[in-house]
Amino acid sequence: MRVLFADDDVISRTLFAAVLTHLGHQWRSASDGGEAWTLYQAEPVPLVILDLGMPALDGLEVCQRIRAHAAGGETFVLVVTGRNAREDLAKVLEAGADDYVSKPSTPENLRARLTIAARRIAQEEARRAAEAELARARWLAGIGETTIALEHEINNPLSALLGHAELLLMDRTLTPGQRRDLERVRERAEHIADIMRQLARREPTGSVDHRAGPA
């Protein structure tokens, strides 16, 4: 998993780097909130770890900006804070953070929080994939209902049109121009009928060839 972490304390950044490397994640680091925001804009990542108190931009401001970003809804934000007051933690959650971890944090505690974050990210990705598949299924079902309605509305008058064209073409008094026009009408009607037959036997992922029709 790609991770971005930001902390103005070099010891904390070293700890993050060691734990993330141990867990097999790809990471980038920032030494302040402004740099973290610049890196995120350049390449949004699934997980961002932010220290609460940083120069340039603090963790809350960066978190709020991430949530306002187009990709921010798919990013898990973990805030690292040395403050345990209830009002401070409330501000962290109000800013849009998904979770927080208190300083000082041990490698074991940080690994546990990152494991939880990775699990929740995977669950959210699975939920989005399921919703996308459901939306596609509903869309395909809508196509099926539309096709049935089209078949009913088009096939009957189309059959009548073809029948009348055939009858008229049997008239020997037609001029060459009239016959040519009727044959063109019949060809186009037959092409539409062929399209409707393709729609009737279509596969969900198939397509109908509607390009090669008579000129």
N, C-alpha and C. Protein backbone atom coordinates (compact mmCIF):
# COMPACT_ATOMS: atom_id res chain seq x y z
N MET A 1 0.85 -1.19 0.00
CA MET A 1 0.00 0.00 0.00
C MET A 1 0.89 1.24 0.00
N ARG A 2 0.47 2.27 -0.73
CA ARG A 2 1.21 3.53 -0.76
C ARG A 2 0.78 4.40 0.42
N VAL A 3 1.77 4.94 1.13
CA VAL A 3 1.50 5.70 2.36
C VAL A 3 2.30 7.00 2.32
N LEU A 4 1.65 8.06 2.78
CA LEU A 4 2.32 9.34 2.98
C LEU A 4 2.25 9.68 4.46
N PHE A 5 3.42 9.97 5.08
CA PHE A 5 3.39 10.38 6.49
C PHE A 5 4.14 11.69 6.66
N ALA A 6 3.66 12.49 7.61
CA ALA A 6 4.24 13.82 7.84
C ALA A 6 4.39 14.06 9.33
N ASP A 7 5.61 14.48 9.69
CA ASP A 7 5.89 14.82 11.09
C ASP A 7 7.14 15.70 11.09
N ASP A 8 7.13 16.76 11.88
CA ASP A 8 8.30 17.65 11.92
C ASP A 8 9.40 17.11 12.83
N ASP A 9 9.13 15.99 13.51
CA ASP A 9 10.12 15.39 14.40
C ASP A 9 10.83 14.26 13.66
N VAL A 10 12.16 14.34 13.54
CA VAL A 10 12.92 13.36 12.77
C VAL A 10 12.86 11.98 13.40
N ILE A 11 12.78 11.90 14.72
CA ILE A 11 12.71 10.60 15.38
C ILE A 11 11.39 9.90 15.03
N SER A 12 10.30 10.67 15.03
CA SER A 12 9.01 10.10 14.67
C SER A 12 9.00 9.63 13.21
N ARG A 13 9.61 10.45 12.32
CA ARG A 13 9.66 10.05 10.91
C ARG A 13 10.47 8.76 10.74
N THR A 14 11.54 8.63 11.52
CA THR A 14 12.35 7.41 11.45
C THR A 14 11.54 6.20 11.91
N LEU A 15 10.73 6.38 12.96
CA LEU A 15 9.88 5.30 13.44
C LEU A 15 8.85 4.90 12.39
N PHE A 16 8.18 5.89 11.80
CA PHE A 16 7.19 5.60 10.76
C PHE A 16 7.84 4.83 9.61
N ALA A 17 8.99 5.30 9.17
CA ALA A 17 9.67 4.66 8.04
C ALA A 17 10.02 3.21 8.35
N ALA A 18 10.50 2.95 9.57
CA ALA A 18 10.89 1.59 9.94
C ALA A 18 9.68 0.66 9.99
N VAL A 19 8.61 1.13 10.62
CA VAL A 19 7.42 0.28 10.75
C VAL A 19 6.77 0.04 9.38
N LEU A 20 6.66 1.08 8.56
CA LEU A 20 6.05 0.92 7.24
C LEU A 20 6.87 0.00 6.35
N THR A 21 8.17 0.12 6.43
CA THR A 21 9.04 -0.77 5.65
C THR A 21 8.88 -2.21 6.11
N HIS A 22 8.81 -2.40 7.44
CA HIS A 22 8.63 -3.75 8.00
C HIS A 22 7.32 -4.37 7.51
N LEU A 23 6.28 -3.56 7.36
CA LEU A 23 4.97 -4.06 6.92
C LEU A 23 4.88 -4.19 5.40
N GLY A 24 5.92 -3.76 4.69
CA GLY A 24 5.94 -3.93 3.24
C GLY A 24 5.25 -2.83 2.45
N HIS A 25 5.00 -1.68 3.08
CA HIS A 25 4.32 -0.58 2.39
C HIS A 25 5.34 0.32 1.68
N GLN A 26 4.88 0.97 0.62
CA GLN A 26 5.67 1.99 -0.06
C GLN A 26 5.33 3.33 0.56
N TRP A 27 6.34 4.12 0.94
CA TRP A 27 6.04 5.34 1.67
C TRP A 27 6.84 6.52 1.15
N ARG A 28 6.25 7.70 1.42
CA ARG A 28 6.93 8.98 1.23
C ARG A 28 6.75 9.77 2.51
N SER A 29 7.72 10.62 2.83
CA SER A 29 7.65 11.37 4.08
C SER A 29 7.71 12.87 3.81
N ALA A 30 7.17 13.62 4.75
CA ALA A 30 7.21 15.09 4.70
C ALA A 30 7.56 15.61 6.08
N SER A 31 8.27 16.71 6.12
CA SER A 31 8.71 17.26 7.40
C SER A 31 7.78 18.35 7.94
N ASP A 32 6.75 18.71 7.17
CA ASP A 32 5.75 19.67 7.66
C ASP A 32 4.47 19.49 6.85
N GLY A 33 3.41 20.18 7.31
CA GLY A 33 2.11 20.02 6.67
C GLY A 33 2.06 20.55 5.25
N GLY A 34 2.79 21.64 4.99
CA GLY A 34 2.79 22.20 3.65
C GLY A 34 3.38 21.23 2.64
N GLU A 35 4.47 20.59 3.01
CA GLU A 35 5.09 19.61 2.12
C GLU A 35 4.18 18.39 1.94
N ALA A 36 3.52 17.98 3.01
CA ALA A 36 2.61 16.84 2.92
C ALA A 36 1.47 17.13 1.95
N TRP A 37 0.91 18.32 2.02
CA TRP A 37 -0.19 18.68 1.13
C TRP A 37 0.27 18.73 -0.32
N THR A 38 1.47 19.25 -0.56
CA THR A 38 2.01 19.30 -1.91
C THR A 38 2.20 17.90 -2.47
N LEU A 39 2.74 16.99 -1.65
CA LEU A 39 2.94 15.61 -2.09
C LEU A 39 1.62 14.91 -2.36
N TYR A 40 0.64 15.15 -1.51
CA TYR A 40 -0.66 14.51 -1.71
C TYR A 40 -1.33 14.99 -3.00
N GLN A 41 -1.27 16.28 -3.26
CA GLN A 41 -1.86 16.81 -4.49
C GLN A 41 -1.21 16.20 -5.73
N ALA A 42 0.11 15.99 -5.65
CA ALA A 42 0.83 15.42 -6.79
C ALA A 42 0.47 13.96 -6.99
N GLU A 43 0.24 13.23 -5.91
CA GLU A 43 -0.09 11.80 -5.99
C GLU A 43 -0.90 11.37 -4.77
N PRO A 44 -2.23 11.41 -4.87
CA PRO A 44 -3.06 10.96 -3.75
C PRO A 44 -2.77 9.49 -3.43
N VAL A 45 -2.78 9.16 -2.16
CA VAL A 45 -2.47 7.80 -1.71
C VAL A 45 -3.61 7.29 -0.82
N PRO A 46 -3.71 5.97 -0.63
CA PRO A 46 -4.79 5.41 0.18
C PRO A 46 -4.68 5.74 1.66
N LEU A 47 -3.44 5.92 2.18
CA LEU A 47 -3.26 6.15 3.62
C LEU A 47 -2.33 7.34 3.85
N VAL A 48 -2.79 8.26 4.70
CA VAL A 48 -1.98 9.41 5.09
C VAL A 48 -1.90 9.45 6.61
N ILE A 49 -0.67 9.60 7.13
CA ILE A 49 -0.43 9.71 8.57
C ILE A 49 0.06 11.13 8.85
N LEU A 50 -0.64 11.84 9.72
CA LEU A 50 -0.34 13.25 9.96
C LEU A 50 -0.11 13.52 11.43
N ASP A 51 1.01 14.18 11.74
CA ASP A 51 1.21 14.67 13.09
C ASP A 51 0.28 15.87 13.30
N LEU A 52 -0.28 15.99 14.48
CA LEU A 52 -1.24 17.06 14.73
C LEU A 52 -0.58 18.44 14.71
N GLY A 53 0.57 18.58 15.36
CA GLY A 53 1.21 19.88 15.44
C GLY A 53 2.42 19.96 14.52
N MET A 54 2.27 20.65 13.40
CA MET A 54 3.37 20.80 12.44
C MET A 54 3.42 22.24 11.96
N PRO A 55 4.59 22.73 11.55
CA PRO A 55 4.68 24.08 10.97
C PRO A 55 4.07 24.11 9.57
N ALA A 56 3.91 25.33 9.07
CA ALA A 56 3.31 25.59 7.74
C ALA A 56 1.82 25.28 7.77
N LEU A 57 1.47 24.01 7.84
CA LEU A 57 0.07 23.59 8.01
C LEU A 57 0.05 22.52 9.08
N ASP A 58 -0.90 22.60 10.01
CA ASP A 58 -0.98 21.55 11.02
C ASP A 58 -1.75 20.35 10.46
N GLY A 59 -1.75 19.27 11.23
CA GLY A 59 -2.39 18.05 10.75
C GLY A 59 -3.87 18.21 10.47
N LEU A 60 -4.57 19.01 11.28
CA LEU A 60 -6.00 19.21 11.07
C LEU A 60 -6.27 19.90 9.74
N GLU A 61 -5.48 20.93 9.42
CA GLU A 61 -5.67 21.67 8.18
C GLU A 61 -5.39 20.76 6.98
N VAL A 62 -4.34 19.98 7.05
CA VAL A 62 -4.03 19.06 5.94
C VAL A 62 -5.16 18.04 5.78
N CYS A 63 -5.65 17.53 6.90
CA CYS A 63 -6.75 16.56 6.85
C CYS A 63 -7.98 17.16 6.18
N GLN A 64 -8.32 18.38 6.54
CA GLN A 64 -9.48 19.04 5.95
C GLN A 64 -9.29 19.25 4.44
N ARG A 65 -8.08 19.60 4.04
CA ARG A 65 -7.81 19.79 2.61
C ARG A 65 -7.89 18.47 1.85
N ILE A 66 -7.42 17.41 2.48
CA ILE A 66 -7.53 16.09 1.84
C ILE A 66 -8.98 15.72 1.64
N ARG A 67 -9.80 15.96 2.64
CA ARG A 67 -11.21 15.61 2.53
C ARG A 67 -11.91 16.43 1.44
N ALA A 68 -11.43 17.64 1.18
CA ALA A 68 -12.03 18.48 0.14
C ALA A 68 -11.49 18.12 -1.25
N HIS A 69 -10.44 17.32 -1.31
CA HIS A 69 -9.83 16.93 -2.58
C HIS A 69 -10.70 15.89 -3.28
N ALA A 70 -10.60 15.83 -4.60
CA ALA A 70 -11.43 14.89 -5.37
C ALA A 70 -11.19 13.44 -4.96
N ALA A 71 -9.96 13.12 -4.59
CA ALA A 71 -9.63 11.74 -4.18
C ALA A 71 -9.70 11.55 -2.67
N GLY A 72 -10.05 12.59 -1.95
CA GLY A 72 -10.00 12.53 -0.49
C GLY A 72 -10.96 11.56 0.14
N GLY A 73 -12.06 11.28 -0.52
CA GLY A 73 -13.03 10.34 0.04
C GLY A 73 -12.52 8.92 0.09
N GLU A 74 -11.48 8.62 -0.69
CA GLU A 74 -10.93 7.26 -0.74
C GLU A 74 -9.63 7.15 0.06
N THR A 75 -9.29 8.19 0.83
CA THR A 75 -8.05 8.20 1.60
C THR A 75 -8.35 8.02 3.09
N PHE A 76 -7.63 7.11 3.71
CA PHE A 76 -7.73 6.89 5.16
C PHE A 76 -6.72 7.81 5.83
N VAL A 77 -7.18 8.64 6.76
CA VAL A 77 -6.31 9.59 7.44
C VAL A 77 -6.16 9.19 8.89
N LEU A 78 -4.90 8.96 9.28
CA LEU A 78 -4.55 8.63 10.66
C LEU A 78 -3.78 9.80 11.25
N VAL A 79 -4.30 10.39 12.32
CA VAL A 79 -3.67 11.54 12.95
C VAL A 79 -2.91 11.09 14.19
N VAL A 80 -1.68 11.56 14.31
CA VAL A 80 -0.84 11.26 15.47
C VAL A 80 -0.83 12.48 16.38
N THR A 81 -1.25 12.30 17.62
CA THR A 81 -1.38 13.45 18.52
C THR A 81 -0.84 13.14 19.90
N GLY A 82 -0.22 14.15 20.50
CA GLY A 82 0.24 14.02 21.88
C GLY A 82 -0.79 14.57 22.85
N ARG A 83 -1.92 15.03 22.31
CA ARG A 83 -2.96 15.61 23.15
C ARG A 83 -4.06 14.57 23.37
N ASN A 84 -4.45 14.40 24.60
CA ASN A 84 -5.49 13.43 24.90
C ASN A 84 -6.76 14.07 25.43
N ALA A 85 -6.79 15.41 25.47
CA ALA A 85 -8.00 16.08 25.94
C ALA A 85 -9.17 15.76 25.01
N ARG A 86 -10.34 15.60 25.59
CA ARG A 86 -11.51 15.20 24.81
C ARG A 86 -11.81 16.17 23.69
N GLU A 87 -11.66 17.49 23.97
CA GLU A 87 -11.98 18.47 22.93
C GLU A 87 -10.99 18.41 21.78
N ASP A 88 -9.73 18.08 22.06
CA ASP A 88 -8.73 17.96 20.99
C ASP A 88 -9.03 16.75 20.11
N LEU A 89 -9.39 15.64 20.72
CA LEU A 89 -9.71 14.45 19.94
C LEU A 89 -10.98 14.66 19.13
N ALA A 90 -11.90 15.42 19.68
CA ALA A 90 -13.12 15.73 18.93
C ALA A 90 -12.79 16.55 17.69
N LYS A 91 -11.86 17.48 17.82
CA LYS A 91 -11.45 18.28 16.65
C LYS A 91 -10.80 17.41 15.58
N VAL A 92 -10.04 16.41 16.01
CA VAL A 92 -9.41 15.49 15.06
C VAL A 92 -10.46 14.78 14.23
N LEU A 93 -11.47 14.27 14.88
CA LEU A 93 -12.53 13.54 14.17
C LEU A 93 -13.39 14.48 13.33
N GLU A 94 -13.65 15.68 13.85
CA GLU A 94 -14.44 16.65 13.10
C GLU A 94 -13.72 17.11 11.83
N ALA A 95 -12.41 17.08 11.85
CA ALA A 95 -11.64 17.47 10.67
C ALA A 95 -11.72 16.42 9.58
N GLY A 96 -12.26 15.24 9.90
CA GLY A 96 -12.42 14.19 8.90
C GLY A 96 -11.46 13.03 9.04
N ALA A 97 -10.68 13.00 10.13
CA ALA A 97 -9.75 11.89 10.33
C ALA A 97 -10.53 10.60 10.60
N ASP A 98 -9.96 9.48 10.14
CA ASP A 98 -10.60 8.18 10.35
C ASP A 98 -10.18 7.55 11.68
N ASP A 99 -8.98 7.88 12.15
CA ASP A 99 -8.48 7.28 13.38
C ASP A 99 -7.34 8.15 13.92
N TYR A 100 -6.94 7.90 15.15
CA TYR A 100 -5.82 8.64 15.71
C TYR A 100 -5.00 7.71 16.59
N VAL A 101 -3.75 8.07 16.79
CA VAL A 101 -2.88 7.33 17.68
C VAL A 101 -2.13 8.34 18.53
N SER A 102 -1.95 8.03 19.79
CA SER A 102 -1.33 8.97 20.72
C SER A 102 0.18 8.86 20.72
N LYS A 103 0.84 9.99 20.94
CA LYS A 103 2.29 10.04 21.15
C LYS A 103 2.58 9.98 22.65
N PRO A 104 3.71 9.42 23.03
CA PRO A 104 4.64 8.64 22.20
C PRO A 104 4.05 7.27 21.89
N SER A 105 4.34 6.76 20.71
CA SER A 105 3.77 5.49 20.28
C SER A 105 4.88 4.47 20.09
N THR A 106 4.64 3.25 20.54
CA THR A 106 5.61 2.18 20.36
C THR A 106 5.48 1.58 18.96
N PRO A 107 6.50 0.94 18.44
CA PRO A 107 6.38 0.29 17.13
C PRO A 107 5.24 -0.72 17.09
N GLU A 108 5.02 -1.45 18.19
CA GLU A 108 3.95 -2.44 18.22
C GLU A 108 2.58 -1.77 18.09
N ASN A 109 2.40 -0.65 18.83
CA ASN A 109 1.13 0.06 18.78
C ASN A 109 0.88 0.64 17.39
N LEU A 110 1.93 1.20 16.80
CA LEU A 110 1.80 1.78 15.47
C LEU A 110 1.50 0.71 14.43
N ARG A 111 2.15 -0.46 14.55
CA ARG A 111 1.87 -1.55 13.63
C ARG A 111 0.41 -1.99 13.73
N ALA A 112 -0.10 -2.03 14.97
CA ALA A 112 -1.48 -2.44 15.16
C ALA A 112 -2.45 -1.45 14.50
N ARG A 113 -2.19 -0.14 14.68
CA ARG A 113 -3.07 0.86 14.08
C ARG A 113 -2.99 0.80 12.55
N LEU A 114 -1.80 0.56 12.01
CA LEU A 114 -1.65 0.48 10.55
C LEU A 114 -2.32 -0.76 9.99
N THR A 115 -2.28 -1.86 10.75
CA THR A 115 -2.95 -3.09 10.31
C THR A 115 -4.46 -2.87 10.26
N ILE A 116 -4.98 -2.19 11.28
CA ILE A 116 -6.42 -1.86 11.29
C ILE A 116 -6.77 -0.96 10.12
N ALA A 117 -5.92 0.05 9.87
CA ALA A 117 -6.17 0.97 8.75
C ALA A 117 -6.17 0.22 7.42
N ALA A 118 -5.20 -0.68 7.23
CA ALA A 118 -5.13 -1.44 5.97
C ALA A 118 -6.37 -2.31 5.79
N ARG A 119 -6.84 -2.90 6.89
CA ARG A 119 -8.04 -3.75 6.81
C ARG A 119 -9.27 -2.91 6.43
N ARG A 120 -9.39 -1.73 7.03
CA ARG A 120 -10.54 -0.88 6.73
C ARG A 120 -10.47 -0.35 5.30
N ILE A 121 -9.27 -0.03 4.84
CA ILE A 121 -9.12 0.42 3.45
C ILE A 121 -9.55 -0.68 2.49
N ALA A 122 -9.13 -1.94 2.77
CA ALA A 122 -9.50 -3.06 1.91
C ALA A 122 -11.01 -3.28 1.92
N GLN A 123 -11.63 -3.15 3.09
CA GLN A 123 -13.08 -3.31 3.19
C GLN A 123 -13.80 -2.23 2.40
N GLU A 124 -13.29 -0.99 2.48
CA GLU A 124 -13.92 0.11 1.76
C GLU A 124 -13.77 -0.07 0.25
N GLU A 125 -12.61 -0.55 -0.18
CA GLU A 125 -12.42 -0.80 -1.61
C GLU A 125 -13.37 -1.89 -2.09
N ALA A 126 -13.56 -2.94 -1.27
CA ALA A 126 -14.48 -4.02 -1.64
C ALA A 126 -15.91 -3.50 -1.71
N ARG A 127 -16.27 -2.61 -0.78
CA ARG A 127 -17.63 -2.04 -0.80
C ARG A 127 -17.85 -1.21 -2.05
N ARG A 128 -16.86 -0.38 -2.41
CA ARG A 128 -17.00 0.44 -3.61
C ARG A 128 -17.09 -0.43 -4.87
N ALA A 129 -16.31 -1.52 -4.89
CA ALA A 129 -16.36 -2.42 -6.05
C ALA A 129 -17.73 -3.09 -6.15
N ALA A 130 -18.29 -3.49 -5.00
CA ALA A 130 -19.60 -4.12 -5.00
C ALA A 130 -20.68 -3.14 -5.45
N GLU A 131 -20.59 -1.90 -4.99
CA GLU A 131 -21.56 -0.89 -5.40
C GLU A 131 -21.46 -0.61 -6.90
N ALA A 132 -20.23 -0.57 -7.42
CA ALA A 132 -20.05 -0.34 -8.86
C ALA A 132 -20.64 -1.49 -9.66
N GLU A 133 -20.46 -2.74 -9.19
CA GLU A 133 -21.00 -3.90 -9.89
C GLU A 133 -22.53 -3.89 -9.83
N LEU A 134 -23.08 -3.49 -8.69
CA LEU A 134 -24.53 -3.41 -8.56
C LEU A 134 -25.09 -2.34 -9.50
N ALA A 135 -24.41 -1.20 -9.57
CA ALA A 135 -24.85 -0.13 -10.47
C ALA A 135 -24.82 -0.60 -11.92
N ARG A 136 -23.77 -1.37 -12.28
CA ARG A 136 -23.67 -1.89 -13.64
C ARG A 136 -24.80 -2.89 -13.93
N ALA A 137 -25.09 -3.74 -12.93
CA ALA A 137 -26.17 -4.71 -13.12
C ALA A 137 -27.50 -4.01 -13.32
N ARG A 138 -27.73 -2.95 -12.54
CA ARG A 138 -28.99 -2.20 -12.70
C ARG A 138 -29.04 -1.52 -14.06
N TRP A 139 -27.88 -1.01 -14.50
CA TRP A 139 -27.82 -0.36 -15.82
C TRP A 139 -28.14 -1.36 -16.92
N LEU A 140 -27.55 -2.57 -16.82
CA LEU A 140 -27.81 -3.60 -17.82
C LEU A 140 -29.28 -4.03 -17.79
N ALA A 141 -29.84 -4.11 -16.57
CA ALA A 141 -31.26 -4.46 -16.47
C ALA A 141 -32.12 -3.39 -17.13
N GLY A 142 -31.72 -2.13 -16.96
CA GLY A 142 -32.45 -1.04 -17.62
C GLY A 142 -32.37 -1.14 -19.13
N ILE A 143 -31.21 -1.55 -19.64
CA ILE A 143 -31.07 -1.74 -21.08
C ILE A 143 -32.02 -2.82 -21.57
N GLY A 144 -32.11 -3.92 -20.77
CA GLY A 144 -33.00 -5.00 -21.15
C GLY A 144 -34.45 -4.54 -21.22
N GLU A 145 -34.89 -3.77 -20.22
CA GLU A 145 -36.27 -3.28 -20.23
C GLU A 145 -36.51 -2.34 -21.39
N THR A 146 -35.53 -1.49 -21.68
CA THR A 146 -35.66 -0.57 -22.81
C THR A 146 -35.72 -1.32 -24.12
N THR A 147 -34.92 -2.39 -24.25
CA THR A 147 -34.91 -3.17 -25.48
C THR A 147 -36.25 -3.83 -25.72
N ILE A 148 -36.85 -4.38 -24.66
CA ILE A 148 -38.16 -5.01 -24.80
C ILE A 148 -39.20 -4.00 -25.28
N ALA A 149 -39.13 -2.79 -24.69
CA ALA A 149 -40.08 -1.75 -25.10
C ALA A 149 -39.84 -1.35 -26.56
N LEU A 150 -38.57 -1.24 -26.94
CA LEU A 150 -38.26 -0.88 -28.33
C LEU A 150 -38.74 -1.96 -29.30
N GLU A 151 -38.51 -3.22 -28.93
CA GLU A 151 -38.96 -4.31 -29.80
C GLU A 151 -40.47 -4.23 -30.04
N HIS A 152 -41.20 -3.96 -28.97
CA HIS A 152 -42.65 -3.89 -29.10
C HIS A 152 -43.08 -2.69 -29.95
N GLU A 153 -42.43 -1.54 -29.73
CA GLU A 153 -42.83 -0.33 -30.43
C GLU A 153 -42.34 -0.28 -31.87
N ILE A 154 -41.26 -0.98 -32.17
CA ILE A 154 -40.67 -0.89 -33.50
C ILE A 154 -41.03 -2.06 -34.39
N ASN A 155 -41.06 -3.28 -33.84
CA ASN A 155 -41.22 -4.46 -34.70
C ASN A 155 -42.55 -4.48 -35.44
N ASN A 156 -43.64 -4.12 -34.78
CA ASN A 156 -44.94 -4.16 -35.45
C ASN A 156 -45.03 -3.20 -36.64
N PRO A 157 -44.76 -1.90 -36.43
CA PRO A 157 -44.81 -1.01 -37.60
C PRO A 157 -43.73 -1.34 -38.64
N LEU A 158 -42.59 -1.90 -38.19
CA LEU A 158 -41.54 -2.26 -39.12
C LEU A 158 -41.99 -3.42 -40.01
N SER A 159 -42.65 -4.39 -39.43
CA SER A 159 -43.19 -5.50 -40.22
C SER A 159 -44.22 -5.02 -41.23
N ALA A 160 -45.05 -4.09 -40.80
CA ALA A 160 -46.04 -3.54 -41.73
C ALA A 160 -45.37 -2.78 -42.87
N LEU A 161 -44.31 -2.03 -42.55
CA LEU A 161 -43.58 -1.28 -43.57
C LEU A 161 -42.96 -2.21 -44.59
N LEU A 162 -42.33 -3.29 -44.12
CA LEU A 162 -41.72 -4.26 -45.04
C LEU A 162 -42.77 -4.93 -45.92
N GLY A 163 -43.90 -5.27 -45.29
CA GLY A 163 -44.96 -5.91 -46.08
C GLY A 163 -45.49 -5.00 -47.17
N HIS A 164 -45.73 -3.73 -46.85
CA HIS A 164 -46.23 -2.78 -47.85
C HIS A 164 -45.19 -2.55 -48.94
N ALA A 165 -43.92 -2.50 -48.56
CA ALA A 165 -42.87 -2.30 -49.56
C ALA A 165 -42.83 -3.46 -50.54
N GLU A 166 -42.96 -4.70 -50.00
CA GLU A 166 -42.95 -5.86 -50.88
C GLU A 166 -44.14 -5.84 -51.84
N LEU A 167 -45.31 -5.46 -51.33
CA LEU A 167 -46.50 -5.40 -52.18
C LEU A 167 -46.34 -4.35 -53.28
N LEU A 168 -45.83 -3.20 -52.91
CA LEU A 168 -45.66 -2.13 -53.89
C LEU A 168 -44.64 -2.50 -54.96
N LEU A 169 -43.60 -3.25 -54.56
CA LEU A 169 -42.58 -3.65 -55.53
C LEU A 169 -43.12 -4.65 -56.55
N MET A 170 -44.24 -5.26 -56.24
CA MET A 170 -44.87 -6.19 -57.20
C MET A 170 -45.64 -5.46 -58.29
N ASP A 171 -45.83 -4.16 -58.11
CA ASP A 171 -46.57 -3.36 -59.10
C ASP A 171 -45.67 -3.11 -60.31
N ARG A 172 -46.07 -3.65 -61.47
CA ARG A 172 -45.26 -3.53 -62.68
C ARG A 172 -45.35 -2.15 -63.33
N THR A 173 -46.23 -1.31 -62.80
CA THR A 173 -46.36 0.03 -63.40
C THR A 173 -45.38 1.03 -62.77
N LEU A 174 -44.59 0.60 -61.81
CA LEU A 174 -43.64 1.51 -61.16
C LEU A 174 -42.59 1.98 -62.14
N THR A 175 -42.22 3.23 -62.00
CA THR A 175 -41.12 3.75 -62.80
C THR A 175 -39.81 3.26 -62.19
N PRO A 176 -38.72 3.28 -62.94
CA PRO A 176 -37.42 2.86 -62.38
C PRO A 176 -37.04 3.64 -61.12
N GLY A 177 -37.32 4.93 -61.11
CA GLY A 177 -37.01 5.75 -59.94
C GLY A 177 -37.83 5.34 -58.72
N GLN A 178 -39.13 5.10 -58.92
CA GLN A 178 -39.98 4.67 -57.81
C GLN A 178 -39.54 3.32 -57.25
N ARG A 179 -39.18 2.39 -58.18
CA ARG A 179 -38.72 1.08 -57.74
C ARG A 179 -37.42 1.19 -56.93
N ARG A 180 -36.53 2.06 -57.42
CA ARG A 180 -35.27 2.24 -56.72
C ARG A 180 -35.49 2.80 -55.31
N ASP A 181 -36.40 3.77 -55.20
CA ASP A 181 -36.68 4.35 -53.89
C ASP A 181 -37.31 3.32 -52.94
N LEU A 182 -38.21 2.51 -53.47
CA LEU A 182 -38.85 1.49 -52.64
C LEU A 182 -37.84 0.43 -52.18
N GLU A 183 -36.94 0.05 -53.08
CA GLU A 183 -35.93 -0.93 -52.71
C GLU A 183 -35.01 -0.38 -51.61
N ARG A 184 -34.73 0.91 -51.70
CA ARG A 184 -33.91 1.53 -50.66
C ARG A 184 -34.63 1.54 -49.32
N VAL A 185 -35.93 1.86 -49.34
CA VAL A 185 -36.73 1.83 -48.11
C VAL A 185 -36.74 0.42 -47.53
N ARG A 186 -36.91 -0.58 -48.40
CA ARG A 186 -36.94 -1.97 -47.91
C ARG A 186 -35.60 -2.38 -47.30
N GLU A 187 -34.49 -2.00 -47.94
CA GLU A 187 -33.17 -2.34 -47.43
C GLU A 187 -32.93 -1.72 -46.04
N ARG A 188 -33.33 -0.46 -45.90
CA ARG A 188 -33.12 0.20 -44.61
C ARG A 188 -34.01 -0.42 -43.53
N ALA A 189 -35.23 -0.76 -43.91
CA ALA A 189 -36.13 -1.40 -42.95
C ALA A 189 -35.59 -2.76 -42.53
N GLU A 190 -35.03 -3.51 -43.49
CA GLU A 190 -34.46 -4.81 -43.16
C GLU A 190 -33.23 -4.65 -42.26
N HIS A 191 -32.46 -3.59 -42.47
CA HIS A 191 -31.30 -3.35 -41.61
C HIS A 191 -31.75 -3.05 -40.18
N ILE A 192 -32.80 -2.24 -40.02
CA ILE A 192 -33.33 -1.96 -38.68
C ILE A 192 -33.84 -3.25 -38.05
N ALA A 193 -34.51 -4.09 -38.82
CA ALA A 193 -35.00 -5.36 -38.29
C ALA A 193 -33.85 -6.25 -37.84
N ASP A 194 -32.73 -6.22 -38.56
CA ASP A 194 -31.55 -7.00 -38.17
C ASP A 194 -30.97 -6.49 -36.85
N ILE A 195 -30.94 -5.17 -36.68
CA ILE A 195 -30.47 -4.60 -35.42
C ILE A 195 -31.35 -5.05 -34.27
N MET A 196 -32.65 -5.05 -34.47
CA MET A 196 -33.56 -5.47 -33.41
C MET A 196 -33.36 -6.94 -33.07
N ARG A 197 -33.06 -7.78 -34.07
CA ARG A 197 -32.79 -9.18 -33.79
C ARG A 197 -31.51 -9.35 -32.98
N GLN A 198 -30.49 -8.52 -33.29
CA GLN A 198 -29.25 -8.56 -32.51
C GLN A 198 -29.50 -8.15 -31.06
N LEU A 199 -30.32 -7.12 -30.88
CA LEU A 199 -30.65 -6.68 -29.52
C LEU A 199 -31.38 -7.76 -28.75
N ALA A 200 -32.25 -8.48 -29.43
CA ALA A 200 -33.05 -9.51 -28.76
C ALA A 200 -32.18 -10.66 -28.26
N ARG A 201 -31.08 -10.94 -28.96
CA ARG A 201 -30.23 -12.06 -28.54
C ARG A 201 -28.89 -11.60 -27.98
N ARG A 202 -28.82 -10.31 -27.55
CA ARG A 202 -27.57 -9.73 -27.11
C ARG A 202 -27.06 -10.40 -25.85
N GLU A 203 -25.75 -10.36 -25.64
CA GLU A 203 -25.10 -10.74 -24.38
C GLU A 203 -24.89 -9.47 -23.56
N PRO A 204 -24.81 -9.57 -22.24
CA PRO A 204 -24.63 -8.37 -21.41
C PRO A 204 -23.44 -7.52 -21.81
N THR A 205 -22.32 -8.15 -22.25
CA THR A 205 -21.15 -7.38 -22.61
C THR A 205 -20.98 -7.25 -24.11
N GLY A 206 -21.98 -7.68 -24.86
CA GLY A 206 -21.88 -7.64 -26.31
C GLY A 206 -22.22 -6.27 -26.86
N SER A 207 -22.13 -6.16 -28.15
CA SER A 207 -22.46 -4.90 -28.80
C SER A 207 -23.23 -5.19 -30.08
N VAL A 208 -23.94 -4.21 -30.53
CA VAL A 208 -24.73 -4.33 -31.75
C VAL A 208 -24.03 -3.56 -32.85
N ASP A 209 -23.85 -4.21 -34.00
CA ASP A 209 -23.21 -3.56 -35.12
C ASP A 209 -24.25 -2.75 -35.87
N HIS A 210 -24.28 -1.43 -35.62
CA HIS A 210 -25.27 -0.57 -36.25
C HIS A 210 -24.62 0.34 -37.29
N ARG A 211 -23.33 0.08 -37.59
CA ARG A 211 -22.63 1.00 -38.48
C ARG A 211 -22.82 0.63 -39.95
N ALA A 212 -22.82 -0.67 -40.24
CA ALA A 212 -22.80 -1.09 -41.63
C ALA A 212 -24.22 -1.20 -42.18
N GLY A 213 -24.80 -0.10 -42.48
CA GLY A 213 -26.13 -0.08 -43.05
C GLY A 213 -26.09 0.40 -44.48
N PRO A 214 -27.19 0.24 -45.21
CA PRO A 214 -27.23 0.73 -46.59
C PRO A 214 -27.10 2.23 -46.65
N ALA A 215 -26.45 2.71 -47.67
CA ALA A 215 -26.24 4.15 -47.80
C ALA A 215 -27.52 4.88 -48.13
